[in-house]
């Protein structure tokens, strides 16, 4: 599996990245995208778009994209600086 990181300055910029990834790769997702958030964080930005997990001490959104021919995956993590 290959890991790719996408760093943003503002949390709100995530929506554009999410919309692009879903438009281009929604048929190739190996699992439902999910967001790690901290307990107590406002999850309005992610609600209804990705699965929300609040059991980690960090924040990031994960997408696992799988090539249908080779079966290889790339994980895209979207985070703010």
PDB file of N, CA and C in Angstrom:
ATOM      1  N   UNK A   1       0.850  -1.168   0.000  1.00  0.00           N
ATOM      2  CA  UNK A   1       0.000   0.000   0.000  1.00  0.00           C
ATOM      3  C   UNK A   1       0.898   1.234   0.000  1.00  0.00           C
ATOM      4  N   UNK A   2       0.521   2.206  -0.765  1.00  0.00           N
ATOM      5  CA  UNK A   2       1.212   3.481  -0.853  1.00  0.00           C
ATOM      6  C   UNK A   2       0.423   4.516  -0.072  1.00  0.00           C
ATOM      7  N   UNK A   3       1.115   5.389   0.634  1.00  0.00           N
ATOM      8  CA  UNK A   3       0.456   6.420   1.433  1.00  0.00           C
ATOM      9  C   UNK A   3       0.748   7.776   0.821  1.00  0.00           C
ATOM     10  N   UNK A   4      -0.286   8.578   0.667  1.00  0.00           N
ATOM     11  CA  UNK A   4      -0.157   9.917   0.121  1.00  0.00           C
ATOM     12  C   UNK A   4      -0.788  10.886   1.112  1.00  0.00           C
ATOM     13  N   UNK A   5      -0.091  11.965   1.427  1.00  0.00           N
ATOM     14  CA  UNK A   5      -0.628  12.951   2.353  1.00  0.00           C
ATOM     15  C   UNK A   5      -1.010  14.226   1.627  1.00  0.00           C
ATOM     16  N   UNK A   6      -2.128  14.781   2.000  1.00  0.00           N
ATOM     17  CA  UNK A   6      -2.595  16.050   1.452  1.00  0.00           C
ATOM     18  C   UNK A   6      -2.770  16.990   2.638  1.00  0.00           C
ATOM     19  N   UNK A   7      -1.973  18.060   2.667  1.00  0.00           N
ATOM     20  CA  UNK A   7      -2.020  18.992   3.785  1.00  0.00           C
ATOM     21  C   UNK A   7      -2.713  20.283   3.372  1.00  0.00           C
ATOM     22  N   UNK A   8      -3.618  20.741   4.215  1.00  0.00           N
ATOM     23  CA  UNK A   8      -4.402  21.947   3.955  1.00  0.00           C
ATOM     24  C   UNK A   8      -4.128  22.986   5.043  1.00  0.00           C
ATOM     25  N   UNK A   9      -4.323  24.236   4.707  1.00  0.00           N
ATOM     26  CA  UNK A   9      -4.172  25.289   5.709  1.00  0.00           C
ATOM     27  C   UNK A   9      -5.404  25.411   6.595  1.00  0.00           C
ATOM     28  N   UNK A  10      -6.588  25.224   5.998  1.00  0.00           N
ATOM     29  CA  UNK A  10      -7.835  25.404   6.740  1.00  0.00           C
ATOM     30  C   UNK A  10      -8.701  24.160   6.631  1.00  0.00           C
ATOM     31  N   UNK A  11      -9.324  23.769   7.748  1.00  0.00           N
ATOM     32  CA  UNK A  11     -10.214  22.602   7.768  1.00  0.00           C
ATOM     33  C   UNK A  11     -11.293  22.680   6.697  1.00  0.00           C
ATOM     34  N   UNK A  12     -11.833  23.862   6.487  1.00  0.00           N
ATOM     35  CA  UNK A  12     -12.938  24.047   5.551  1.00  0.00           C
ATOM     36  C   UNK A  12     -12.546  23.702   4.106  1.00  0.00           C
ATOM     37  N   UNK A  13     -11.245  23.759   3.790  1.00  0.00           N
ATOM     38  CA  UNK A  13     -10.775  23.415   2.447  1.00  0.00           C
ATOM     39  C   UNK A  13     -10.940  21.924   2.150  1.00  0.00           C
ATOM     40  N   UNK A  14     -11.154  21.123   3.183  1.00  0.00           N
ATOM     41  CA  UNK A  14     -11.307  19.682   3.016  1.00  0.00           C
ATOM     42  C   UNK A  14     -12.465  19.348   2.079  1.00  0.00           C
ATOM     43  N   UNK A  15     -13.534  20.106   2.103  1.00  0.00           N
ATOM     44  CA  UNK A  15     -14.715  19.801   1.284  1.00  0.00           C
ATOM     45  C   UNK A  15     -14.367  19.715  -0.193  1.00  0.00           C
ATOM     46  N   UNK A  16     -13.509  20.601  -0.682  1.00  0.00           N
ATOM     47  CA  UNK A  16     -13.119  20.555  -2.093  1.00  0.00           C
ATOM     48  C   UNK A  16     -12.329  19.295  -2.413  1.00  0.00           C
ATOM     49  N   UNK A  17     -11.425  18.924  -1.536  1.00  0.00           N
ATOM     50  CA  UNK A  17     -10.643  17.702  -1.735  1.00  0.00           C
ATOM     51  C   UNK A  17     -11.570  16.495  -1.700  1.00  0.00           C
ATOM     52  N   UNK A  18     -12.461  16.458  -0.723  1.00  0.00           N
ATOM     53  CA  UNK A  18     -13.419  15.349  -0.613  1.00  0.00           C
ATOM     54  C   UNK A  18     -14.268  15.232  -1.875  1.00  0.00           C
ATOM     55  N   UNK A  19     -14.810  16.346  -2.330  1.00  0.00           N
ATOM     56  CA  UNK A  19     -15.657  16.305  -3.528  1.00  0.00           C
ATOM     57  C   UNK A  19     -14.886  15.801  -4.738  1.00  0.00           C
ATOM     58  N   UNK A  20     -13.632  16.225  -4.898  1.00  0.00           N
ATOM     59  CA  UNK A  20     -12.808  15.749  -6.007  1.00  0.00           C
ATOM     60  C   UNK A  20     -12.562  14.246  -5.913  1.00  0.00           C
ATOM     61  N   UNK A  21     -12.129  13.784  -4.727  1.00  0.00           N
ATOM     62  CA  UNK A  21     -11.837  12.357  -4.569  1.00  0.00           C
ATOM     63  C   UNK A  21     -13.078  11.501  -4.797  1.00  0.00           C
ATOM     64  N   UNK A  22     -14.213  11.946  -4.304  1.00  0.00           N
ATOM     65  CA  UNK A  22     -15.441  11.173  -4.488  1.00  0.00           C
ATOM     66  C   UNK A  22     -15.880  11.167  -5.953  1.00  0.00           C
ATOM     67  N   UNK A  23     -15.709  12.271  -6.638  1.00  0.00           N
ATOM     68  CA  UNK A  23     -16.082  12.339  -8.058  1.00  0.00           C
ATOM     69  C   UNK A  23     -15.193  11.417  -8.896  1.00  0.00           C
ATOM     70  N   UNK A  24     -13.904  11.431  -8.611  1.00  0.00           N
ATOM     71  CA  UNK A  24     -12.946  10.680  -9.422  1.00  0.00           C
ATOM     72  C   UNK A  24     -12.806   9.210  -9.014  1.00  0.00           C
ATOM     73  N   UNK A  25     -12.969   8.905  -7.724  1.00  0.00           N
ATOM     74  CA  UNK A  25     -12.609   7.566  -7.235  1.00  0.00           C
ATOM     75  C   UNK A  25     -13.690   6.850  -6.435  1.00  0.00           C
ATOM     76  N   UNK A  26     -14.906   7.329  -6.424  1.00  0.00           N
ATOM     77  CA  UNK A  26     -15.929   6.701  -5.573  1.00  0.00           C
ATOM     78  C   UNK A  26     -16.145   5.230  -5.916  1.00  0.00           C
ATOM     79  N   UNK A  27     -15.989   4.853  -7.179  1.00  0.00           N
ATOM     80  CA  UNK A  27     -16.160   3.444  -7.569  1.00  0.00           C
ATOM     81  C   UNK A  27     -14.950   2.589  -7.211  1.00  0.00           C
ATOM     82  N   UNK A  28     -13.857   3.221  -6.830  1.00  0.00           N
ATOM     83  CA  UNK A  28     -12.616   2.500  -6.546  1.00  0.00           C
ATOM     84  C   UNK A  28     -12.268   2.460  -5.063  1.00  0.00           C
ATOM     85  N   UNK A  29     -13.157   2.916  -4.205  1.00  0.00           N
ATOM     86  CA  UNK A  29     -12.870   2.919  -2.768  1.00  0.00           C
ATOM     87  C   UNK A  29     -12.916   1.497  -2.215  1.00  0.00           C
ATOM     88  N   UNK A  30     -11.887   1.126  -1.475  1.00  0.00           N
ATOM     89  CA  UNK A  30     -11.822  -0.198  -0.861  1.00  0.00           C
ATOM     90  C   UNK A  30     -12.635  -0.249   0.432  1.00  0.00           C
ATOM     91  N   UNK A  31     -12.904   0.917   1.007  1.00  0.00           N
ATOM     92  CA  UNK A  31     -13.710   1.016   2.223  1.00  0.00           C
ATOM     93  C   UNK A  31     -14.297   2.418   2.301  1.00  0.00           C
ATOM     94  N   UNK A  32     -15.252   2.573   3.180  1.00  0.00           N
ATOM     95  CA  UNK A  32     -15.876   3.880   3.366  1.00  0.00           C
ATOM     96  C   UNK A  32     -14.853   4.873   3.918  1.00  0.00           C
ATOM     97  N   UNK A  33     -14.746   6.063   3.339  1.00  0.00           N
ATOM     98  CA  UNK A  33     -13.840   7.070   3.890  1.00  0.00           C
ATOM     99  C   UNK A  33     -14.222   7.389   5.336  1.00  0.00           C
ATOM    100  N   UNK A  34     -13.205   7.722   6.152  1.00  0.00           N
ATOM    101  CA  UNK A  34     -13.485   8.018   7.548  1.00  0.00           C
ATOM    102  C   UNK A  34     -12.607   9.156   8.042  1.00  0.00           C
ATOM    103  N   UNK A  35     -13.116   9.853   9.054  1.00  0.00           N
ATOM    104  CA  UNK A  35     -12.400  10.973   9.659  1.00  0.00           C
ATOM    105  C   UNK A  35     -12.098  10.642  11.105  1.00  0.00           C
ATOM    106  N   UNK A  36     -10.825  10.773  11.481  1.00  0.00           N
ATOM    107  CA  UNK A  36     -10.444  10.717  12.888  1.00  0.00           C
ATOM    108  C   UNK A  36     -10.559  12.142  13.420  1.00  0.00           C
ATOM    109  N   UNK A  37     -11.334  12.307  14.459  1.00  0.00           N
ATOM    110  CA  UNK A  37     -11.433  13.603  15.125  1.00  0.00           C
ATOM    111  C   UNK A  37     -11.218  13.368  16.616  1.00  0.00           C
ATOM    112  N   UNK A  38     -10.968  14.435  17.331  1.00  0.00           N
ATOM    113  CA  UNK A  38     -10.805  14.317  18.781  1.00  0.00           C
ATOM    114  C   UNK A  38     -12.150  14.443  19.461  1.00  0.00           C
ATOM    115  N   UNK A  39     -12.296  13.751  20.561  1.00  0.00           N
ATOM    116  CA  UNK A  39     -13.533  13.865  21.349  1.00  0.00           C
ATOM    117  C   UNK A  39     -13.781  15.333  21.666  1.00  0.00           C
ATOM    118  N   UNK A  40     -15.011  15.772  21.477  1.00  0.00           N
ATOM    119  CA  UNK A  40     -15.369  17.150  21.753  1.00  0.00           C
ATOM    120  C   UNK A  40     -15.257  18.069  20.549  1.00  0.00           C
ATOM    121  N   UNK A  41     -14.600  17.606  19.466  1.00  0.00           N
ATOM    122  CA  UNK A  41     -14.516  18.413  18.243  1.00  0.00           C
ATOM    123  C   UNK A  41     -15.883  18.550  17.606  1.00  0.00           C
ATOM    124  N   UNK A  42     -16.105  19.661  16.939  1.00  0.00           N
ATOM    125  CA  UNK A  42     -17.315  19.845  16.157  1.00  0.00           C
ATOM    126  C   UNK A  42     -17.181  18.986  14.896  1.00  0.00           C
ATOM    127  N   UNK A  43     -18.134  18.087  14.675  1.00  0.00           N
ATOM    128  CA  UNK A  43     -18.030  17.192  13.530  1.00  0.00           C
ATOM    129  C   UNK A  43     -18.951  17.589  12.373  1.00  0.00           C
ATOM    130  N   UNK A  44     -19.522  18.802  12.429  1.00  0.00           N
ATOM    131  CA  UNK A  44     -20.451  19.244  11.384  1.00  0.00           C
ATOM    132  C   UNK A  44     -19.846  19.196   9.987  1.00  0.00           C
ATOM    133  N   UNK A  45     -18.562  19.472   9.861  1.00  0.00           N
ATOM    134  CA  UNK A  45     -17.899  19.487   8.557  1.00  0.00           C
ATOM    135  C   UNK A  45     -17.941  18.110   7.890  1.00  0.00           C
ATOM    136  N   UNK A  46     -17.869  17.048   8.699  1.00  0.00           N
ATOM    137  CA  UNK A  46     -17.762  15.683   8.177  1.00  0.00           C
ATOM    138  C   UNK A  46     -19.070  14.890   8.197  1.00  0.00           C
ATOM    139  N   UNK A  47     -20.000  15.300   9.038  1.00  0.00           N
ATOM    140  CA  UNK A  47     -21.248  14.554   9.223  1.00  0.00           C
ATOM    141  C   UNK A  47     -21.990  14.382   7.898  1.00  0.00           C
ATOM    142  N   UNK A  48     -22.388  13.150   7.625  1.00  0.00           N
ATOM    143  CA  UNK A  48     -23.128  12.837   6.409  1.00  0.00           C
ATOM    144  C   UNK A  48     -22.256  12.646   5.183  1.00  0.00           C
ATOM    145  N   UNK A  49     -20.945  12.871   5.316  1.00  0.00           N
ATOM    146  CA  UNK A  49     -20.038  12.718   4.171  1.00  0.00           C
ATOM    147  C   UNK A  49     -19.075  11.553   4.359  1.00  0.00           C
ATOM    148  N   UNK A  50     -18.566  11.390   5.562  1.00  0.00           N
ATOM    149  CA  UNK A  50     -17.644  10.290   5.865  1.00  0.00           C
ATOM    150  C   UNK A  50     -17.980   9.750   7.250  1.00  0.00           C
ATOM    151  N   UNK A  51     -17.523   8.537   7.507  1.00  0.00           N
ATOM    152  CA  UNK A  51     -17.679   7.933   8.826  1.00  0.00           C
ATOM    153  C   UNK A  51     -16.797   8.695   9.811  1.00  0.00           C
ATOM    154  N   UNK A  52     -17.291   8.942  11.014  1.00  0.00           N
ATOM    155  CA  UNK A  52     -16.552   9.708  12.020  1.00  0.00           C
ATOM    156  C   UNK A  52     -16.098   8.774  13.139  1.00  0.00           C
ATOM    157  N   UNK A  53     -14.810   8.848  13.449  1.00  0.00           N
ATOM    158  CA  UNK A  53     -14.220   8.041  14.518  1.00  0.00           C
ATOM    159  C   UNK A  53     -13.540   9.005  15.490  1.00  0.00           C
ATOM    160  N   UNK A  54     -13.863   8.905  16.773  1.00  0.00           N
ATOM    161  CA  UNK A  54     -13.277   9.845  17.737  1.00  0.00           C
ATOM    162  C   UNK A  54     -12.479   9.143  18.831  1.00  0.00           C
ATOM    163  N   UNK A  55     -11.734   8.093  18.445  1.00  0.00           N
ATOM    164  CA  UNK A  55     -10.957   7.364  19.451  1.00  0.00           C
ATOM    165  C   UNK A  55      -9.447   7.545  19.291  1.00  0.00           C
ATOM    166  N   UNK A  56      -9.024   8.506  18.479  1.00  0.00           N
ATOM    167  CA  UNK A  56      -7.595   8.770  18.284  1.00  0.00           C
ATOM    168  C   UNK A  56      -7.269  10.187  18.750  1.00  0.00           C
ATOM    169  N   UNK A  57      -6.020  10.430  19.116  1.00  0.00           N
ATOM    170  CA  UNK A  57      -5.654  11.773  19.580  1.00  0.00           C
ATOM    171  C   UNK A  57      -5.218  12.719  18.449  1.00  0.00           C
ATOM    172  N   UNK A  58      -5.587  12.408  17.222  1.00  0.00           N
ATOM    173  CA  UNK A  58      -5.216  13.262  16.098  1.00  0.00           C
ATOM    174  C   UNK A  58      -6.389  13.412  15.152  1.00  0.00           C
ATOM    175  N   UNK A  59      -6.252  14.312  14.181  1.00  0.00           N
ATOM    176  CA  UNK A  59      -7.326  14.577  13.223  1.00  0.00           C
ATOM    177  C   UNK A  59      -6.819  14.330  11.806  1.00  0.00           C
ATOM    178  N   UNK A  60      -7.545  13.531  11.036  1.00  0.00           N
ATOM    179  CA  UNK A  60      -7.240  13.321   9.624  1.00  0.00           C
ATOM    180  C   UNK A  60      -8.409  12.578   8.983  1.00  0.00           C
ATOM    181  N   UNK A  61      -8.512  12.731   7.670  1.00  0.00           N
ATOM    182  CA  UNK A  61      -9.538  12.019   6.916  1.00  0.00           C
ATOM    183  C   UNK A  61      -8.818  11.038   5.999  1.00  0.00           C
ATOM    184  N   UNK A  62      -9.303   9.799   5.952  1.00  0.00           N
ATOM    185  CA  UNK A  62      -8.635   8.725   5.217  1.00  0.00           C
ATOM    186  C   UNK A  62      -9.508   8.218   4.073  1.00  0.00           C
ATOM    187  N   UNK A  63      -8.858   8.009   2.935  1.00  0.00           N
ATOM    188  CA  UNK A  63      -9.489   7.416   1.750  1.00  0.00           C
ATOM    189  C   UNK A  63      -8.600   6.273   1.291  1.00  0.00           C
ATOM    190  N   UNK A  64      -9.169   5.092   1.107  1.00  0.00           N
ATOM    191  CA  UNK A  64      -8.413   3.941   0.629  1.00  0.00           C
ATOM    192  C   UNK A  64      -8.915   3.607  -0.779  1.00  0.00           C
ATOM    193  N   UNK A  65      -8.071   3.892  -1.761  1.00  0.00           N
ATOM    194  CA  UNK A  65      -8.435   3.716  -3.172  1.00  0.00           C
ATOM    195  C   UNK A  65      -7.714   2.481  -3.699  1.00  0.00           C
ATOM    196  N   UNK A  66      -8.467   1.572  -4.327  1.00  0.00           N
ATOM    197  CA  UNK A  66      -7.906   0.310  -4.790  1.00  0.00           C
ATOM    198  C   UNK A  66      -7.985   0.197  -6.302  1.00  0.00           C
ATOM    199  N   UNK A  67      -6.865  -0.198  -6.911  1.00  0.00           N
ATOM    200  CA  UNK A  67      -6.831  -0.478  -8.345  1.00  0.00           C
ATOM    201  C   UNK A  67      -7.498  -1.824  -8.584  1.00  0.00           C
ATOM    202  N   UNK A  68      -8.497  -1.844  -9.432  1.00  0.00           N
ATOM    203  CA  UNK A  68      -9.279  -3.077  -9.643  1.00  0.00           C
ATOM    204  C   UNK A  68      -8.469  -4.165 -10.355  1.00  0.00           C
ATOM    205  N   UNK A  69      -7.490  -3.787 -11.168  1.00  0.00           N
ATOM    206  CA  UNK A  69      -6.707  -4.774 -11.914  1.00  0.00           C
ATOM    207  C   UNK A  69      -5.656  -5.433 -11.032  1.00  0.00           C
ATOM    208  N   UNK A  70      -4.826  -4.626 -10.371  1.00  0.00           N
ATOM    209  CA  UNK A  70      -3.725  -5.183  -9.580  1.00  0.00           C
ATOM    210  C   UNK A  70      -4.122  -5.483  -8.134  1.00  0.00           C
ATOM    211  N   UNK A  71      -5.178  -4.825  -7.653  1.00  0.00           N
ATOM    212  CA  UNK A  71      -5.583  -4.982  -6.267  1.00  0.00           C
ATOM    213  C   UNK A  71      -4.790  -4.112  -5.307  1.00  0.00           C
ATOM    214  N   UNK A  72      -3.803  -3.374  -5.818  1.00  0.00           N
ATOM    215  CA  UNK A  72      -2.998  -2.505  -4.959  1.00  0.00           C
ATOM    216  C   UNK A  72      -3.818  -1.308  -4.495  1.00  0.00           C
ATOM    217  N   UNK A  73      -3.479  -0.819  -3.313  1.00  0.00           N
ATOM    218  CA  UNK A  73      -4.210   0.304  -2.719  1.00  0.00           C
ATOM    219  C   UNK A  73      -3.293   1.490  -2.492  1.00  0.00           C
ATOM    220  N   UNK A  74      -3.883   2.649  -2.512  1.00  0.00           N
ATOM    221  CA  UNK A  74      -3.228   3.874  -2.088  1.00  0.00           C
ATOM    222  C   UNK A  74      -4.127   4.498  -1.033  1.00  0.00           C
ATOM    223  N   UNK A  75      -3.508   4.918   0.060  1.00  0.00           N
ATOM    224  CA  UNK A  75      -4.271   5.592   1.097  1.00  0.00           C
ATOM    225  C   UNK A  75      -3.962   7.077   1.016  1.00  0.00           C
ATOM    226  N   UNK A  76      -5.001   7.879   0.934  1.00  0.00           N
ATOM    227  CA  UNK A  76      -4.861   9.329   0.923  1.00  0.00           C
ATOM    228  C   UNK A  76      -5.318   9.828   2.290  1.00  0.00           C
ATOM    229  N   UNK A  77      -4.425  10.532   2.982  1.00  0.00           N
ATOM    230  CA  UNK A  77      -4.764  11.147   4.258  1.00  0.00           C
ATOM    231  C   UNK A  77      -4.810  12.654   4.053  1.00  0.00           C
ATOM    232  N   UNK A  78      -5.903  13.267   4.452  1.00  0.00           N
ATOM    233  CA  UNK A  78      -6.077  14.716   4.332  1.00  0.00           C
ATOM    234  C   UNK A  78      -6.037  15.290   5.746  1.00  0.00           C
ATOM    235  N   UNK A  79      -5.125  16.261   5.941  1.00  0.00           N
ATOM    236  CA  UNK A  79      -4.950  16.868   7.258  1.00  0.00           C
ATOM    237  C   UNK A  79      -4.699  18.353   7.107  1.00  0.00           C
ATOM    238  N   UNK A  80      -4.865  19.090   8.188  1.00  0.00           N
ATOM    239  CA  UNK A  80      -4.452  20.484   8.186  1.00  0.00           C
ATOM    240  C   UNK A  80      -3.081  20.591   8.840  1.00  0.00           C
ATOM    241  N   UNK A  81      -2.361  21.642   8.456  1.00  0.00           N
ATOM    242  CA  UNK A  81      -1.050  21.878   9.060  1.00  0.00           C
ATOM    243  C   UNK A  81      -1.244  22.330  10.480  1.00  0.00           C
TER     244      UNK A  81
END
